[in-house]
Amino acid sequence: MISKILTAPALLIILALPVNALTTLTLSATGDRDSTKLAFDSANNLIVITAALNGKGPFRFLLDTGATHHVMKPEMAQALGLKVTDFGELDAGGRTRVSAGLVQVAEVRVGGFTLEKQRFVVTPFPASYPFEGFLGAELFKRFIVGIDFKHSLITLTRPSAFRYRGAGVVLPVKF
C-alpha cells in the first residue's frame, strides 16, 4: 500500500465553540474487525468517501483533515428528518460568516465501522460541491487513516491494532 500525507487543498471550517462541547463517541465494528477499507473518489484532488447516516445513504462526504467537526448541508438534515438546533455563526473563510445549526446523528457508518452519537454542524455550502458534507477530526481522532492514492483506497485502523511496517518516519500528531 502506498500512503501519502494528504496534500490536496482542504476546506477549513472554524467554529466558535470548542470541540469538546460537541463530541460524543461510541465506536462499534461489524464482527471483530480492526480495520476497514473503502474506495474514494479523488475528484478535483479531494478525497470523497461514502457513508451511511442512520441507516440511509450512501452519501458522499469529503474527508477533510482541516474540519474540526462533521458538517452536512441543510437539505441532508431535512431529508434525514433530523431536528436542527441553532448553533450560531461560523467563519466560512475571509470575511464571510454564515448561520449554522447542530444535529445529532445516531449512527454514521463508514466502511465496516459505525460511529455512534455523532454531532454535525449544519450549514449551506455551494451546490457545485460534489458531496453532501465533510467528515473531519472525529475520524482522525479515532483511527489511523491510510490513504492509498494509487488504488483510490482509504484504510481505517483502530490505533490499538495498528503496526507500522515501512521505511518512513513516524510523526506523532496531537489534536
N, C-alpha and C. Protein backbone atom coordinates (compact mmCIF):
# COMPACT_ATOMS: atom_id res chain seq x y z
N MET A 1 0.83 -1.18 0.00
CA MET A 1 0.00 0.00 0.00
C MET A 1 0.88 1.24 0.00
N ILE A 2 0.53 2.21 -0.79
CA ILE A 2 1.25 3.46 -0.85
C ILE A 2 0.46 4.47 -0.03
N SER A 3 1.05 5.00 1.02
CA SER A 3 0.38 6.00 1.83
C SER A 3 1.09 7.33 1.64
N LYS A 4 0.32 8.39 1.54
CA LYS A 4 0.87 9.72 1.40
C LYS A 4 0.23 10.63 2.43
N ILE A 5 0.89 11.72 2.69
CA ILE A 5 0.27 12.76 3.50
C ILE A 5 -0.69 13.49 2.60
N LEU A 6 -1.87 13.78 3.08
CA LEU A 6 -2.87 14.48 2.29
C LEU A 6 -2.36 15.86 1.95
N THR A 7 -2.16 16.13 0.66
CA THR A 7 -1.66 17.43 0.23
C THR A 7 -2.70 18.22 -0.54
N ALA A 8 -3.85 17.63 -0.79
CA ALA A 8 -4.91 18.33 -1.50
C ALA A 8 -5.39 19.49 -0.66
N PRO A 9 -5.79 20.58 -1.31
CA PRO A 9 -6.30 21.71 -0.53
C PRO A 9 -7.52 21.30 0.27
N ALA A 10 -7.52 21.60 1.53
CA ALA A 10 -8.64 21.25 2.40
C ALA A 10 -9.50 22.48 2.63
N LEU A 11 -10.79 22.28 2.73
CA LEU A 11 -11.71 23.35 3.05
C LEU A 11 -11.82 23.42 4.56
N LEU A 12 -11.45 24.54 5.11
CA LEU A 12 -11.42 24.67 6.56
C LEU A 12 -12.70 25.30 7.07
N ILE A 13 -13.17 24.75 8.15
CA ILE A 13 -14.32 25.33 8.82
C ILE A 13 -13.90 25.58 10.26
N ILE A 14 -13.94 26.83 10.67
CA ILE A 14 -13.53 27.18 12.01
C ILE A 14 -14.78 27.55 12.78
N LEU A 15 -15.02 26.86 13.88
CA LEU A 15 -16.24 27.07 14.64
C LEU A 15 -15.96 27.84 15.92
N ALA A 16 -17.00 28.47 16.42
CA ALA A 16 -16.87 29.30 17.60
C ALA A 16 -16.82 28.51 18.90
N LEU A 17 -17.36 27.29 18.94
CA LEU A 17 -17.38 26.51 20.17
C LEU A 17 -16.23 25.52 20.21
N PRO A 18 -15.74 25.17 21.41
CA PRO A 18 -14.67 24.18 21.49
C PRO A 18 -15.15 22.81 21.05
N VAL A 19 -14.24 22.00 20.54
CA VAL A 19 -14.57 20.67 20.05
C VAL A 19 -15.21 19.83 21.14
N ASN A 20 -14.72 19.89 22.35
CA ASN A 20 -15.25 19.06 23.44
C ASN A 20 -16.72 19.33 23.72
N ALA A 21 -17.20 20.51 23.40
CA ALA A 21 -18.61 20.82 23.64
C ALA A 21 -19.51 20.10 22.65
N LEU A 22 -18.95 19.56 21.57
CA LEU A 22 -19.77 18.98 20.52
C LEU A 22 -19.65 17.48 20.37
N THR A 23 -18.63 16.86 20.92
CA THR A 23 -18.34 15.48 20.54
C THR A 23 -18.69 14.47 21.62
N THR A 24 -19.36 13.43 21.18
CA THR A 24 -19.63 12.25 21.98
C THR A 24 -19.41 11.08 21.04
N LEU A 25 -18.77 10.03 21.49
CA LEU A 25 -18.49 8.95 20.57
C LEU A 25 -18.56 7.60 21.23
N THR A 26 -19.20 6.69 20.54
CA THR A 26 -19.10 5.27 20.84
C THR A 26 -18.73 4.64 19.52
N LEU A 27 -17.78 3.74 19.52
CA LEU A 27 -17.32 3.11 18.30
C LEU A 27 -17.65 1.64 18.34
N SER A 28 -18.28 1.16 17.27
CA SER A 28 -18.52 -0.28 17.17
C SER A 28 -18.11 -0.73 15.79
N ALA A 29 -17.85 -2.00 15.65
CA ALA A 29 -17.47 -2.55 14.36
C ALA A 29 -18.28 -3.79 14.10
N THR A 30 -18.44 -4.09 12.83
CA THR A 30 -19.11 -5.33 12.45
C THR A 30 -18.14 -6.47 12.75
N GLY A 31 -18.52 -7.41 13.59
CA GLY A 31 -17.62 -8.50 13.96
C GLY A 31 -16.48 -7.98 14.82
N ASP A 32 -15.33 -8.60 14.70
CA ASP A 32 -14.16 -8.20 15.48
C ASP A 32 -13.13 -7.52 14.59
N ARG A 33 -13.56 -6.71 13.67
CA ARG A 33 -12.67 -6.09 12.73
C ARG A 33 -11.82 -5.01 13.39
N ASP A 34 -10.55 -4.99 13.01
CA ASP A 34 -9.65 -3.94 13.48
C ASP A 34 -9.42 -2.88 12.44
N SER A 35 -9.77 -3.17 11.18
CA SER A 35 -9.62 -2.18 10.12
C SER A 35 -10.66 -2.42 9.04
N THR A 36 -10.85 -1.40 8.23
CA THR A 36 -11.78 -1.49 7.11
C THR A 36 -11.21 -0.68 5.96
N LYS A 37 -11.48 -1.12 4.75
CA LYS A 37 -11.03 -0.41 3.55
C LYS A 37 -12.25 0.08 2.80
N LEU A 38 -12.13 1.27 2.21
CA LEU A 38 -13.19 1.77 1.37
C LEU A 38 -12.60 2.59 0.24
N ALA A 39 -13.28 2.54 -0.89
CA ALA A 39 -12.84 3.27 -2.06
C ALA A 39 -13.14 4.75 -1.90
N PHE A 40 -12.34 5.57 -2.55
CA PHE A 40 -12.64 7.00 -2.57
C PHE A 40 -12.56 7.53 -3.99
N ASP A 41 -13.25 8.64 -4.19
CA ASP A 41 -13.25 9.37 -5.45
C ASP A 41 -12.33 10.56 -5.24
N SER A 42 -11.35 10.73 -6.10
CA SER A 42 -10.40 11.83 -5.92
C SER A 42 -10.68 12.99 -6.86
N ALA A 43 -11.95 13.26 -7.12
CA ALA A 43 -12.33 14.36 -7.99
C ALA A 43 -11.77 15.68 -7.47
N ASN A 44 -11.22 16.47 -8.36
CA ASN A 44 -10.68 17.80 -8.02
C ASN A 44 -9.62 17.75 -6.92
N ASN A 45 -8.85 16.67 -6.86
CA ASN A 45 -7.80 16.50 -5.84
C ASN A 45 -8.35 16.48 -4.42
N LEU A 46 -9.59 16.09 -4.26
CA LEU A 46 -10.21 15.94 -2.95
C LEU A 46 -10.51 14.46 -2.74
N ILE A 47 -10.57 14.05 -1.49
CA ILE A 47 -10.88 12.65 -1.18
C ILE A 47 -12.34 12.60 -0.72
N VAL A 48 -13.18 11.97 -1.54
CA VAL A 48 -14.61 11.87 -1.26
C VAL A 48 -14.94 10.40 -1.03
N ILE A 49 -15.48 10.11 0.16
CA ILE A 49 -15.87 8.75 0.53
C ILE A 49 -17.38 8.69 0.72
N THR A 50 -17.91 7.48 0.84
CA THR A 50 -19.33 7.34 1.10
C THR A 50 -19.54 6.88 2.54
N ALA A 51 -20.66 7.32 3.10
CA ALA A 51 -21.04 6.93 4.46
C ALA A 51 -22.56 6.86 4.52
N ALA A 52 -23.06 6.04 5.41
CA ALA A 52 -24.50 5.95 5.66
C ALA A 52 -24.78 6.63 6.99
N LEU A 53 -25.85 7.40 7.05
CA LEU A 53 -26.27 8.07 8.27
C LEU A 53 -27.63 7.52 8.68
N ASN A 54 -27.71 7.05 9.91
CA ASN A 54 -28.96 6.48 10.44
C ASN A 54 -29.56 5.46 9.49
N GLY A 55 -28.69 4.64 8.88
CA GLY A 55 -29.13 3.57 8.00
C GLY A 55 -29.54 4.02 6.60
N LYS A 56 -29.39 5.29 6.30
CA LYS A 56 -29.75 5.80 4.97
C LYS A 56 -28.50 6.20 4.22
N GLY A 57 -28.57 6.14 2.91
CA GLY A 57 -27.43 6.52 2.10
C GLY A 57 -27.17 5.45 1.07
N PRO A 58 -26.02 5.42 0.49
CA PRO A 58 -24.81 6.13 0.90
C PRO A 58 -24.84 7.60 0.47
N PHE A 59 -24.15 8.41 1.26
CA PHE A 59 -23.98 9.83 0.99
C PHE A 59 -22.50 10.09 0.75
N ARG A 60 -22.21 11.09 -0.07
CA ARG A 60 -20.83 11.44 -0.38
C ARG A 60 -20.33 12.51 0.60
N PHE A 61 -19.19 12.20 1.24
CA PHE A 61 -18.58 13.12 2.19
C PHE A 61 -17.12 13.37 1.83
N LEU A 62 -16.72 14.62 1.94
CA LEU A 62 -15.32 14.98 1.78
C LEU A 62 -14.59 14.59 3.05
N LEU A 63 -13.51 13.86 2.93
CA LEU A 63 -12.65 13.55 4.06
C LEU A 63 -11.75 14.76 4.23
N ASP A 64 -11.93 15.50 5.30
CA ASP A 64 -11.28 16.80 5.46
C ASP A 64 -10.44 16.84 6.73
N THR A 65 -9.13 16.84 6.56
CA THR A 65 -8.21 16.88 7.69
C THR A 65 -8.29 18.20 8.44
N GLY A 66 -8.82 19.23 7.81
CA GLY A 66 -8.90 20.54 8.45
C GLY A 66 -10.23 20.84 9.11
N ALA A 67 -11.22 19.97 8.94
CA ALA A 67 -12.54 20.22 9.53
C ALA A 67 -12.54 19.81 10.99
N THR A 68 -12.85 20.75 11.87
CA THR A 68 -12.88 20.46 13.30
C THR A 68 -14.09 19.64 13.69
N HIS A 69 -15.12 19.64 12.83
CA HIS A 69 -16.36 18.92 13.10
C HIS A 69 -16.88 18.30 11.81
N HIS A 70 -17.77 17.34 11.96
CA HIS A 70 -18.50 16.84 10.79
C HIS A 70 -19.47 17.94 10.37
N VAL A 71 -19.75 18.00 9.07
CA VAL A 71 -20.62 19.05 8.53
C VAL A 71 -21.55 18.42 7.50
N MET A 72 -22.78 18.90 7.44
CA MET A 72 -23.71 18.47 6.39
C MET A 72 -24.52 19.66 5.91
N LYS A 73 -25.06 19.51 4.69
CA LYS A 73 -25.93 20.52 4.12
C LYS A 73 -27.30 20.48 4.81
N PRO A 74 -27.99 21.62 4.88
CA PRO A 74 -29.33 21.63 5.48
C PRO A 74 -30.31 20.69 4.78
N GLU A 75 -30.17 20.53 3.47
CA GLU A 75 -31.06 19.64 2.73
C GLU A 75 -30.92 18.19 3.20
N MET A 76 -29.73 17.81 3.57
CA MET A 76 -29.49 16.45 4.05
C MET A 76 -30.14 16.26 5.42
N ALA A 77 -29.98 17.24 6.31
CA ALA A 77 -30.59 17.15 7.63
C ALA A 77 -32.11 17.03 7.50
N GLN A 78 -32.67 17.80 6.59
CA GLN A 78 -34.12 17.74 6.38
C GLN A 78 -34.53 16.38 5.82
N ALA A 79 -33.80 15.87 4.83
CA ALA A 79 -34.13 14.57 4.22
C ALA A 79 -34.04 13.43 5.23
N LEU A 80 -33.14 13.56 6.21
CA LEU A 80 -32.99 12.53 7.24
C LEU A 80 -33.95 12.72 8.41
N GLY A 81 -34.72 13.82 8.38
CA GLY A 81 -35.68 14.09 9.45
C GLY A 81 -35.02 14.46 10.77
N LEU A 82 -33.86 15.10 10.71
CA LEU A 82 -33.12 15.47 11.92
C LEU A 82 -33.56 16.84 12.43
N LYS A 83 -33.66 16.96 13.74
CA LYS A 83 -34.04 18.23 14.36
C LYS A 83 -32.78 19.10 14.47
N VAL A 84 -32.80 20.25 13.83
CA VAL A 84 -31.66 21.16 13.82
C VAL A 84 -31.86 22.20 14.92
N THR A 85 -30.88 22.32 15.81
CA THR A 85 -30.89 23.36 16.82
C THR A 85 -29.93 24.46 16.40
N ASP A 86 -30.21 25.67 16.85
CA ASP A 86 -29.37 26.82 16.47
C ASP A 86 -27.97 26.67 17.04
N PHE A 87 -27.00 26.95 16.23
CA PHE A 87 -25.59 26.85 16.63
C PHE A 87 -24.94 28.21 16.68
N GLY A 88 -25.49 29.16 15.94
CA GLY A 88 -24.89 30.49 15.87
C GLY A 88 -24.25 30.70 14.51
N GLU A 89 -23.17 31.47 14.51
CA GLU A 89 -22.48 31.76 13.27
C GLU A 89 -21.12 31.10 13.26
N LEU A 90 -20.62 30.86 12.05
CA LEU A 90 -19.27 30.34 11.92
C LEU A 90 -18.54 31.09 10.83
N ASP A 91 -17.24 31.05 10.90
CA ASP A 91 -16.38 31.69 9.93
C ASP A 91 -16.26 30.77 8.73
N ALA A 92 -16.73 31.23 7.57
CA ALA A 92 -16.68 30.41 6.36
C ALA A 92 -15.51 30.83 5.47
N GLY A 93 -14.57 31.55 6.03
CA GLY A 93 -13.40 31.99 5.27
C GLY A 93 -13.49 33.45 4.92
N GLY A 94 -12.37 34.11 5.01
CA GLY A 94 -12.36 35.54 4.70
C GLY A 94 -13.22 36.30 5.67
N ARG A 95 -14.04 37.18 5.12
CA ARG A 95 -14.94 37.99 5.95
C ARG A 95 -16.34 37.43 6.00
N THR A 96 -16.52 36.24 5.47
CA THR A 96 -17.85 35.64 5.37
C THR A 96 -18.20 34.88 6.64
N ARG A 97 -19.39 35.18 7.18
CA ARG A 97 -19.93 34.44 8.31
C ARG A 97 -21.29 33.92 7.89
N VAL A 98 -21.58 32.67 8.25
CA VAL A 98 -22.87 32.07 7.89
C VAL A 98 -23.51 31.49 9.14
N SER A 99 -24.84 31.46 9.13
CA SER A 99 -25.54 30.85 10.26
C SER A 99 -25.43 29.35 10.14
N ALA A 100 -25.47 28.68 11.29
CA ALA A 100 -25.33 27.23 11.31
C ALA A 100 -26.23 26.63 12.37
N GLY A 101 -26.55 25.37 12.17
CA GLY A 101 -27.32 24.61 13.14
C GLY A 101 -26.49 23.42 13.59
N LEU A 102 -27.07 22.65 14.48
CA LEU A 102 -26.39 21.48 15.02
C LEU A 102 -27.40 20.34 15.09
N VAL A 103 -26.97 19.13 14.67
CA VAL A 103 -27.81 17.94 14.76
C VAL A 103 -26.99 16.80 15.33
N GLN A 104 -27.69 15.85 15.91
CA GLN A 104 -27.02 14.62 16.35
C GLN A 104 -27.51 13.48 15.47
N VAL A 105 -26.55 12.72 14.96
CA VAL A 105 -26.83 11.57 14.12
C VAL A 105 -26.56 10.33 14.96
N ALA A 106 -27.53 9.44 15.05
CA ALA A 106 -27.38 8.25 15.90
C ALA A 106 -26.24 7.35 15.42
N GLU A 107 -26.14 7.14 14.09
CA GLU A 107 -25.10 6.25 13.56
C GLU A 107 -24.54 6.80 12.26
N VAL A 108 -23.22 6.80 12.18
CA VAL A 108 -22.52 7.13 10.94
C VAL A 108 -21.71 5.89 10.59
N ARG A 109 -22.06 5.25 9.48
CA ARG A 109 -21.38 4.03 9.05
C ARG A 109 -20.38 4.37 7.97
N VAL A 110 -19.11 4.08 8.26
CA VAL A 110 -18.01 4.31 7.32
C VAL A 110 -17.29 2.99 7.15
N GLY A 111 -17.41 2.39 5.97
CA GLY A 111 -16.83 1.06 5.76
C GLY A 111 -17.44 0.09 6.76
N GLY A 112 -16.59 -0.65 7.47
CA GLY A 112 -17.06 -1.62 8.45
C GLY A 112 -17.23 -1.07 9.85
N PHE A 113 -17.05 0.23 10.04
CA PHE A 113 -17.16 0.83 11.36
C PHE A 113 -18.40 1.70 11.48
N THR A 114 -18.94 1.76 12.68
CA THR A 114 -20.07 2.64 12.97
C THR A 114 -19.67 3.58 14.10
N LEU A 115 -19.77 4.86 13.83
CA LEU A 115 -19.57 5.88 14.85
C LEU A 115 -20.95 6.25 15.36
N GLU A 116 -21.16 6.20 16.66
CA GLU A 116 -22.46 6.48 17.23
C GLU A 116 -22.47 7.85 17.89
N LYS A 117 -23.67 8.45 17.94
CA LYS A 117 -23.89 9.74 18.59
C LYS A 117 -22.95 10.81 18.07
N GLN A 118 -22.94 10.98 16.77
CA GLN A 118 -22.08 11.98 16.14
C GLN A 118 -22.84 13.28 15.92
N ARG A 119 -22.19 14.37 16.23
CA ARG A 119 -22.80 15.68 16.02
C ARG A 119 -22.26 16.27 14.73
N PHE A 120 -23.16 16.89 14.01
CA PHE A 120 -22.83 17.54 12.75
C PHE A 120 -23.24 19.00 12.81
N VAL A 121 -22.41 19.86 12.29
CA VAL A 121 -22.80 21.23 12.05
C VAL A 121 -23.57 21.23 10.74
N VAL A 122 -24.66 21.97 10.70
CA VAL A 122 -25.49 22.06 9.51
C VAL A 122 -25.38 23.47 8.96
N THR A 123 -24.86 23.58 7.76
CA THR A 123 -24.68 24.89 7.15
C THR A 123 -24.69 24.75 5.64
N PRO A 124 -25.16 25.77 4.94
CA PRO A 124 -25.16 25.68 3.48
C PRO A 124 -23.75 25.85 2.92
N PHE A 125 -23.50 25.19 1.80
CA PHE A 125 -22.31 25.45 1.02
C PHE A 125 -22.65 25.28 -0.44
N PRO A 126 -21.79 25.72 -1.33
CA PRO A 126 -22.16 25.77 -2.75
C PRO A 126 -22.71 24.46 -3.30
N ALA A 127 -23.75 24.57 -4.12
CA ALA A 127 -24.36 23.40 -4.76
C ALA A 127 -23.38 22.72 -5.70
N SER A 128 -22.36 23.43 -6.13
CA SER A 128 -21.39 22.85 -7.06
C SER A 128 -20.46 21.84 -6.39
N TYR A 129 -20.43 21.80 -5.05
CA TYR A 129 -19.58 20.84 -4.36
C TYR A 129 -20.11 19.43 -4.63
N PRO A 130 -19.24 18.49 -5.03
CA PRO A 130 -19.71 17.14 -5.38
C PRO A 130 -19.86 16.21 -4.17
N PHE A 131 -20.33 16.74 -3.06
CA PHE A 131 -20.52 15.95 -1.84
C PHE A 131 -21.56 16.62 -0.97
N GLU A 132 -22.11 15.85 0.00
CA GLU A 132 -23.16 16.36 0.89
C GLU A 132 -22.65 16.89 2.21
N GLY A 133 -21.38 16.66 2.50
CA GLY A 133 -20.85 17.14 3.76
C GLY A 133 -19.37 16.82 3.91
N PHE A 134 -18.88 17.04 5.12
CA PHE A 134 -17.49 16.80 5.48
C PHE A 134 -17.43 15.82 6.64
N LEU A 135 -16.48 14.93 6.62
CA LEU A 135 -16.15 14.13 7.80
C LEU A 135 -14.78 14.62 8.23
N GLY A 136 -14.68 15.03 9.49
CA GLY A 136 -13.47 15.69 9.93
C GLY A 136 -12.74 15.03 11.06
N ALA A 137 -12.35 15.84 12.03
CA ALA A 137 -11.43 15.45 13.09
C ALA A 137 -11.84 14.20 13.85
N GLU A 138 -13.13 13.98 14.05
CA GLU A 138 -13.54 12.78 14.80
C GLU A 138 -13.03 11.50 14.16
N LEU A 139 -13.00 11.45 12.85
CA LEU A 139 -12.49 10.27 12.15
C LEU A 139 -10.98 10.12 12.40
N PHE A 140 -10.27 11.24 12.34
CA PHE A 140 -8.82 11.20 12.51
C PHE A 140 -8.41 10.99 13.97
N LYS A 141 -9.28 11.33 14.90
CA LYS A 141 -9.00 11.08 16.32
C LYS A 141 -9.15 9.60 16.66
N ARG A 142 -10.05 8.91 15.96
CA ARG A 142 -10.42 7.54 16.31
C ARG A 142 -9.66 6.47 15.54
N PHE A 143 -9.08 6.83 14.38
CA PHE A 143 -8.47 5.83 13.52
C PHE A 143 -7.11 6.28 13.01
N ILE A 144 -6.30 5.29 12.66
CA ILE A 144 -5.14 5.52 11.83
C ILE A 144 -5.71 5.50 10.42
N VAL A 145 -5.49 6.56 9.66
CA VAL A 145 -6.06 6.69 8.33
C VAL A 145 -4.95 6.51 7.30
N GLY A 146 -5.03 5.42 6.54
CA GLY A 146 -4.08 5.18 5.46
C GLY A 146 -4.72 5.58 4.14
N ILE A 147 -3.99 6.33 3.34
CA ILE A 147 -4.51 6.80 2.05
C ILE A 147 -3.64 6.21 0.94
N ASP A 148 -4.24 5.39 0.12
CA ASP A 148 -3.56 4.76 -1.00
C ASP A 148 -4.07 5.43 -2.27
N PHE A 149 -3.33 6.43 -2.73
CA PHE A 149 -3.76 7.19 -3.90
C PHE A 149 -3.72 6.34 -5.17
N LYS A 150 -2.76 5.45 -5.27
CA LYS A 150 -2.61 4.64 -6.47
C LYS A 150 -3.86 3.80 -6.73
N HIS A 151 -4.43 3.23 -5.67
CA HIS A 151 -5.61 2.36 -5.80
C HIS A 151 -6.90 3.03 -5.34
N SER A 152 -6.84 4.31 -4.98
CA SER A 152 -8.00 5.08 -4.51
C SER A 152 -8.71 4.38 -3.36
N LEU A 153 -7.91 3.99 -2.34
CA LEU A 153 -8.45 3.31 -1.16
C LEU A 153 -8.06 4.04 0.12
N ILE A 154 -8.99 4.05 1.04
CA ILE A 154 -8.74 4.54 2.41
C ILE A 154 -8.79 3.32 3.32
N THR A 155 -7.86 3.23 4.25
CA THR A 155 -7.91 2.18 5.27
C THR A 155 -8.04 2.86 6.62
N LEU A 156 -9.08 2.49 7.37
CA LEU A 156 -9.26 2.96 8.74
C LEU A 156 -8.88 1.82 9.66
N THR A 157 -7.97 2.08 10.58
CA THR A 157 -7.50 1.04 11.50
C THR A 157 -7.60 1.55 12.93
N ARG A 158 -8.08 0.70 13.81
CA ARG A 158 -8.09 1.07 15.24
C ARG A 158 -6.64 1.27 15.69
N PRO A 159 -6.35 2.32 16.42
CA PRO A 159 -4.96 2.56 16.85
C PRO A 159 -4.34 1.40 17.61
N SER A 160 -5.13 0.69 18.42
CA SER A 160 -4.59 -0.43 19.19
C SER A 160 -4.14 -1.59 18.30
N ALA A 161 -4.65 -1.65 17.07
CA ALA A 161 -4.32 -2.76 16.17
C ALA A 161 -3.29 -2.37 15.11
N PHE A 162 -2.91 -1.10 15.08
CA PHE A 162 -2.02 -0.62 14.01
C PHE A 162 -0.56 -0.95 14.31
N ARG A 163 0.11 -1.49 13.32
CA ARG A 163 1.55 -1.76 13.39
C ARG A 163 2.17 -1.23 12.12
N TYR A 164 3.00 -0.21 12.24
CA TYR A 164 3.62 0.37 11.05
C TYR A 164 4.70 -0.55 10.52
N ARG A 165 4.67 -0.76 9.21
CA ARG A 165 5.69 -1.54 8.52
C ARG A 165 6.15 -0.73 7.33
N GLY A 166 7.36 -0.23 7.38
CA GLY A 166 7.85 0.56 6.27
C GLY A 166 9.12 1.29 6.65
N ALA A 167 9.63 2.03 5.70
CA ALA A 167 10.89 2.74 5.89
C ALA A 167 10.68 4.20 6.25
N GLY A 168 9.43 4.65 6.34
CA GLY A 168 9.16 6.05 6.63
C GLY A 168 9.41 6.41 8.07
N VAL A 169 9.29 7.68 8.35
CA VAL A 169 9.47 8.21 9.70
C VAL A 169 8.08 8.42 10.31
N VAL A 170 7.89 7.95 11.51
CA VAL A 170 6.62 8.11 12.21
C VAL A 170 6.63 9.48 12.90
N LEU A 171 5.63 10.29 12.60
CA LEU A 171 5.50 11.61 13.21
C LEU A 171 4.20 11.63 14.02
N PRO A 172 4.27 11.80 15.32
CA PRO A 172 3.03 11.83 16.12
C PRO A 172 2.27 13.13 15.84
N VAL A 173 0.96 13.03 15.78
CA VAL A 173 0.09 14.18 15.58
C VAL A 173 -0.85 14.24 16.76
N LYS A 174 -0.93 15.39 17.40
CA LYS A 174 -1.81 15.54 18.55
C LYS A 174 -2.90 16.55 18.21
N PHE A 175 -4.15 16.16 18.49
CA PHE A 175 -5.29 17.07 18.25
C PHE A 175 -5.58 17.84 19.51
